[in-house]
Amino acid sequence: MASNAIPRSPRSLADDLRGRTAGQVTRLLRLRPDLLHPWPADLSQLARRAADDASVLEAMQSLSTVQLRVLEVFACLHEGTIEDTEQGLPDDPEQVRAAVDRLWSMALLWGGPQVYRITRAAQQAFGAHPCGLSAAGHAAVDDVSVRAAAAGWDTDELEDLLWHDPVRQAADPLLIPRGDHFVLARESALVLRDGAFLRPVDPPAPAPDVTPAGNVLMWAPLAGVRYVLTDLAREPLPWHPVRGSRDARSTIGPPP
């Protein structure tokens, strides 16, 4: 009789790699060829090498913008589902799902197919506050109170607090104490961000309209150079008693 048991979630990256097919491990090695040098003795050694800081940073160099954004959201969540990532990113859901698949294939994410986790080195690459958010405090917040407290802030200062650095030295009704500092709680930040972990990606600026140079504009400098050279060839430069003549035809001596 067939079993309806839910597959056990991997407990580590090594456990994840042991559960992959030969084709999936081959794809990992193709996407991260540095893992082959020297040839790993077993999957445990491959997992340790795949989690190495230098190897992870090298793998991250090849990621697209969407893949980096998805990875940063997982760095902020520590672990989550594809649905969690889709809710926090204003990107195309199909691109998000494709990015998760790619990151899992590269072993920058492990686990799945329900809950994915990020490797430690990849998480640390985004600094102390991935997505500009503080650590989750699991505290219930009142949306109205949060927005009222934020209304008293300077626009630029609130922008920096909200998207870049959630830590401040002085107390404020919008902040909560955490150690020796005061931070904007993640729950409060997400209220002010309308649930977004990252902003939408701005499209590249359009290229400025440039009028191509016409034939007259292209040939004018060349014609000027030709005129100067022709004039110099027609009339040698005057003789100077100290410098001599700068004309090649008068290098032997002064003119009579």
Protein backbone atom coordinates (compact mmCIF):
# COMPACT_ATOMS: atom_id res chain seq x y z
CA MET A 1 0.00 0.00 0.00
CA ALA A 2 1.36 3.42 -0.96
CA SER A 3 2.44 5.68 1.86
CA ASN A 4 0.95 9.16 2.22
CA ALA A 5 3.70 10.38 4.54
CA ILE A 6 5.09 13.84 3.83
CA PRO A 7 8.76 13.72 2.73
CA ARG A 8 11.13 14.62 5.54
CA SER A 9 12.68 18.06 5.18
CA PRO A 10 16.51 18.08 4.98
CA ARG A 11 18.21 19.03 8.22
CA SER A 12 21.35 20.50 6.60
CA LEU A 13 22.89 21.26 3.24
CA ALA A 14 24.70 17.92 3.33
CA ASP A 15 21.41 16.16 4.02
CA ASP A 16 19.89 18.08 1.11
CA LEU A 17 22.65 17.02 -1.30
CA ARG A 18 22.27 13.38 -0.30
CA GLY A 19 18.63 13.56 -1.34
CA ARG A 20 19.34 15.02 -4.78
CA THR A 21 19.44 12.99 -7.94
CA ALA A 22 22.63 12.44 -9.91
CA GLY A 23 21.39 14.93 -12.49
CA GLN A 24 20.76 17.59 -9.84
CA VAL A 25 24.23 17.15 -8.35
CA THR A 26 25.71 17.34 -11.85
CA ARG A 27 23.86 20.61 -12.45
CA LEU A 28 25.26 22.00 -9.19
CA LEU A 29 28.80 21.17 -10.31
CA ARG A 30 28.20 22.78 -13.70
CA LEU A 31 26.87 25.95 -12.11
CA ARG A 32 29.72 26.08 -9.57
CA PRO A 33 32.76 24.47 -11.24
CA ASP A 34 35.09 25.65 -8.46
CA LEU A 35 33.63 22.88 -6.29
CA LEU A 36 35.43 20.30 -8.47
CA HIS A 37 38.97 21.41 -7.59
CA PRO A 38 40.09 19.20 -6.02
CA TRP A 39 37.55 16.48 -6.68
CA PRO A 40 35.36 16.04 -3.55
CA ALA A 41 35.65 12.70 -1.83
CA ASP A 42 31.94 12.49 -0.97
CA LEU A 43 28.76 14.58 -0.68
CA SER A 44 29.63 15.70 2.85
CA GLN A 45 32.86 17.24 1.60
CA LEU A 46 30.98 18.76 -1.35
CA ALA A 47 28.49 20.34 1.06
CA ARG A 48 31.28 21.83 3.19
CA ARG A 49 32.94 23.25 0.09
CA ALA A 50 29.65 24.61 -1.25
CA ALA A 51 29.07 26.44 2.05
CA ASP A 52 32.57 27.96 2.12
CA ASP A 53 32.58 31.76 2.21
CA ALA A 54 34.85 32.24 -0.81
CA SER A 55 32.93 29.75 -2.95
CA VAL A 56 29.57 31.27 -2.02
CA LEU A 57 30.73 34.80 -2.83
CA GLU A 58 32.09 33.62 -6.17
CA ALA A 59 28.76 31.95 -6.97
CA MET A 60 26.88 35.11 -6.06
CA GLN A 61 28.87 37.05 -8.66
CA SER A 62 26.98 35.23 -11.42
CA LEU A 63 23.48 35.94 -10.11
CA SER A 64 20.99 38.15 -11.92
CA THR A 65 19.27 41.10 -10.26
CA VAL A 66 16.11 39.08 -9.55
CA GLN A 67 18.11 36.19 -8.12
CA LEU A 68 20.04 38.52 -5.82
CA ARG A 69 16.81 40.13 -4.65
CA VAL A 70 15.25 36.75 -3.89
CA LEU A 71 18.37 35.66 -2.05
CA GLU A 72 18.35 38.85 0.02
CA VAL A 73 14.75 38.22 1.05
CA PHE A 74 15.72 34.75 2.23
CA ALA A 75 18.66 36.31 4.09
CA CYS A 76 16.11 38.46 5.88
CA LEU A 77 13.68 35.59 6.52
CA HIS A 78 16.36 32.96 7.30
CA GLU A 79 13.85 30.42 6.02
CA GLY A 80 10.60 30.68 4.12
CA THR A 81 8.40 29.47 1.32
CA ILE A 82 8.17 30.65 -2.26
CA GLU A 83 4.86 32.29 -1.34
CA ASP A 84 6.59 34.30 1.40
CA THR A 85 9.08 35.59 -1.15
CA GLU A 86 6.40 36.43 -3.69
CA GLN A 87 4.50 38.45 -1.10
CA GLY A 88 7.58 40.43 -0.11
CA LEU A 89 8.87 41.19 -3.62
CA PRO A 90 7.12 43.42 -6.18
CA ASP A 91 8.54 41.28 -8.98
CA ASP A 92 7.05 38.88 -11.50
CA PRO A 93 6.01 35.70 -9.59
CA GLU A 94 7.29 33.50 -12.41
CA GLN A 95 10.70 35.15 -12.21
CA VAL A 96 10.71 34.69 -8.43
CA ARG A 97 9.95 30.98 -8.74
CA ALA A 98 12.61 30.55 -11.42
CA ALA A 99 15.10 32.38 -9.18
CA VAL A 100 14.34 30.09 -6.23
CA ASP A 101 14.90 27.05 -8.45
CA ARG A 102 18.21 28.45 -9.66
CA LEU A 103 19.40 29.33 -6.16
CA TRP A 104 18.49 25.86 -4.92
CA SER A 105 20.31 24.28 -7.86
CA MET A 106 23.39 26.32 -6.90
CA ALA A 107 23.08 25.21 -3.24
CA LEU A 108 22.77 28.83 -2.09
CA LEU A 109 19.36 27.74 -0.84
CA TRP A 110 18.67 24.28 0.54
CA GLY A 111 15.63 22.41 1.73
CA GLY A 112 12.33 22.58 -0.09
CA PRO A 113 10.05 21.94 -1.74
CA GLN A 114 7.96 23.70 0.93
CA VAL A 115 10.43 25.58 3.14
CA TYR A 116 13.82 26.79 1.89
CA ARG A 117 16.77 27.93 3.96
CA ILE A 118 19.74 30.08 3.01
CA THR A 119 23.34 29.07 3.51
CA ARG A 120 25.13 30.89 6.32
CA ALA A 121 27.77 32.51 4.08
CA ALA A 122 25.16 33.87 1.68
CA GLN A 123 23.15 35.31 4.55
CA GLN A 124 26.19 37.03 6.05
CA ALA A 125 27.07 38.54 2.67
CA PHE A 126 24.07 40.90 3.01
CA GLY A 127 25.27 42.36 6.30
CA ALA A 128 23.52 42.76 9.63
CA HIS A 129 20.29 44.11 8.17
CA PRO A 130 19.29 42.37 4.91
CA CYS A 131 16.61 44.34 3.06
CA GLY A 132 17.26 47.15 5.56
CA LEU A 133 15.14 45.36 8.17
CA SER A 134 15.94 44.53 11.77
CA ALA A 135 15.60 41.02 13.15
CA ALA A 136 12.06 39.77 13.60
CA GLY A 137 10.67 40.47 17.05
CA HIS A 138 7.32 38.72 16.55
CA ALA A 139 5.62 41.67 18.22
CA ALA A 140 2.09 42.74 17.36
CA VAL A 141 1.92 46.35 16.19
CA ASP A 142 -0.96 48.72 15.65
CA ASP A 143 -0.91 50.10 12.10
CA VAL A 144 -2.52 53.40 13.04
CA SER A 145 -0.10 54.02 15.91
CA VAL A 146 2.91 53.20 13.74
CA ARG A 147 1.85 55.59 10.98
CA ALA A 148 1.10 58.32 13.52
CA ALA A 149 4.55 57.95 15.10
CA ALA A 150 6.21 58.05 11.66
CA ALA A 151 4.40 61.27 10.73
CA GLY A 152 6.66 63.30 13.03
CA TRP A 153 9.86 62.24 11.27
CA ASP A 154 11.76 64.20 8.65
CA THR A 155 11.14 62.67 5.22
CA ASP A 156 14.78 61.96 4.39
CA GLU A 157 15.53 60.64 7.88
CA LEU A 158 12.52 58.35 7.76
CA GLU A 159 13.58 57.15 4.31
CA ASP A 160 17.00 56.16 5.63
CA LEU A 161 15.52 54.52 8.73
CA LEU A 162 12.95 52.64 6.71
CA TRP A 163 15.08 51.27 3.86
CA HIS A 164 18.73 51.42 4.90
CA ASP A 165 19.63 51.60 8.61
CA PRO A 166 16.95 50.69 11.18
CA VAL A 167 19.22 51.41 14.18
CA ARG A 168 19.33 54.71 16.07
CA GLN A 169 21.02 55.92 19.26
CA ALA A 170 18.13 57.98 20.68
CA ALA A 171 14.73 56.78 21.85
CA ASP A 172 11.63 57.59 19.83
CA PRO A 173 7.97 56.46 19.94
CA LEU A 174 8.52 54.73 16.58
CA LEU A 175 11.49 52.70 17.86
CA ILE A 176 11.89 49.88 20.34
CA PRO A 177 14.89 49.28 22.66
CA ARG A 178 17.23 46.50 21.68
CA GLY A 179 20.42 46.25 23.70
CA ASP A 180 22.17 49.61 23.87
CA HIS A 181 20.36 50.94 20.80
CA PHE A 182 16.88 51.60 19.49
CA VAL A 183 15.62 49.97 16.33
CA LEU A 184 12.68 50.18 14.01
CA ALA A 185 10.88 46.88 14.58
CA ARG A 186 10.56 44.78 11.45
CA GLU A 187 6.81 44.60 11.92
CA SER A 188 6.58 48.41 12.06
CA ALA A 189 8.80 48.80 9.00
CA LEU A 190 6.66 46.41 6.97
CA VAL A 191 3.58 48.42 7.92
CA LEU A 192 5.20 51.58 6.55
CA ARG A 193 6.49 49.69 3.51
CA ASP A 194 3.06 48.20 2.79
CA GLY A 195 4.52 44.71 3.21
CA ALA A 196 7.39 45.06 0.74
CA PHE A 197 10.80 43.68 1.64
CA LEU A 198 12.47 45.47 -1.26
CA ARG A 199 11.47 48.29 -3.55
CA PRO A 200 10.64 47.69 -7.20
CA VAL A 201 13.65 47.75 -9.48
CA ASP A 202 13.87 51.02 -11.38
CA PRO A 203 14.12 50.54 -15.15
CA PRO A 204 17.33 51.80 -16.75
CA ALA A 205 17.28 55.42 -17.80
CA PRO A 206 16.64 55.93 -21.51
CA ALA A 207 19.66 56.81 -23.58
CA PRO A 208 19.84 60.50 -24.48
CA ASP A 209 19.02 61.46 -28.03
CA VAL A 210 22.23 62.22 -29.87
CA THR A 211 22.27 63.73 -33.34
CA PRO A 212 24.71 61.75 -35.47
CA ALA A 213 27.53 63.79 -36.89
CA GLY A 214 27.09 64.65 -40.54
CA ASN A 215 29.76 64.38 -43.20
CA VAL A 216 30.60 68.10 -42.90
CA LEU A 217 31.18 67.86 -39.15
CA MET A 218 33.36 64.79 -39.56
CA TRP A 219 35.58 66.23 -42.26
CA ALA A 220 35.99 69.75 -40.85
CA PRO A 221 38.78 68.84 -38.33
CA LEU A 222 40.63 66.81 -40.97
CA ALA A 223 40.45 69.68 -43.43
CA GLY A 224 41.87 72.06 -40.83
CA VAL A 225 44.82 69.74 -40.11
CA ARG A 226 45.50 69.36 -43.81
CA TYR A 227 45.49 73.14 -44.27
CA VAL A 228 48.03 73.65 -41.47
CA LEU A 229 50.36 70.96 -42.79
CA THR A 230 50.15 72.32 -46.31
CA ASP A 231 50.93 75.85 -45.09
CA LEU A 232 53.96 74.63 -43.13
CA ALA A 233 55.27 72.74 -46.12
CA ARG A 234 54.94 75.87 -48.27
CA GLU A 235 56.74 78.27 -45.89
CA PRO A 236 59.48 76.90 -43.58
CA LEU A 237 59.48 78.05 -39.98
CA PRO A 238 61.82 80.98 -39.21
CA TRP A 239 65.30 80.38 -37.88
CA HIS A 240 65.88 80.97 -34.16
CA PRO A 241 69.48 81.59 -32.97
CA VAL A 242 69.05 79.37 -29.86
CA ARG A 243 66.42 76.80 -30.78
CA GLY A 244 67.34 76.57 -34.41
CA SER A 245 64.77 75.86 -37.02
CA ARG A 246 61.85 73.55 -36.18
CA ASP A 247 61.48 72.74 -39.83
CA ALA A 248 63.13 69.50 -40.93
CA ARG A 249 64.50 71.12 -44.08
CA SER A 250 66.49 73.69 -42.11
CA THR A 251 68.26 71.48 -39.54
CA ILE A 252 71.67 71.75 -41.23
CA GLY A 253 72.24 75.42 -40.64
CA PRO A 254 70.72 78.87 -40.69
CA PRO A 255 69.28 80.15 -43.91
CA PRO A 256 71.62 82.33 -45.96
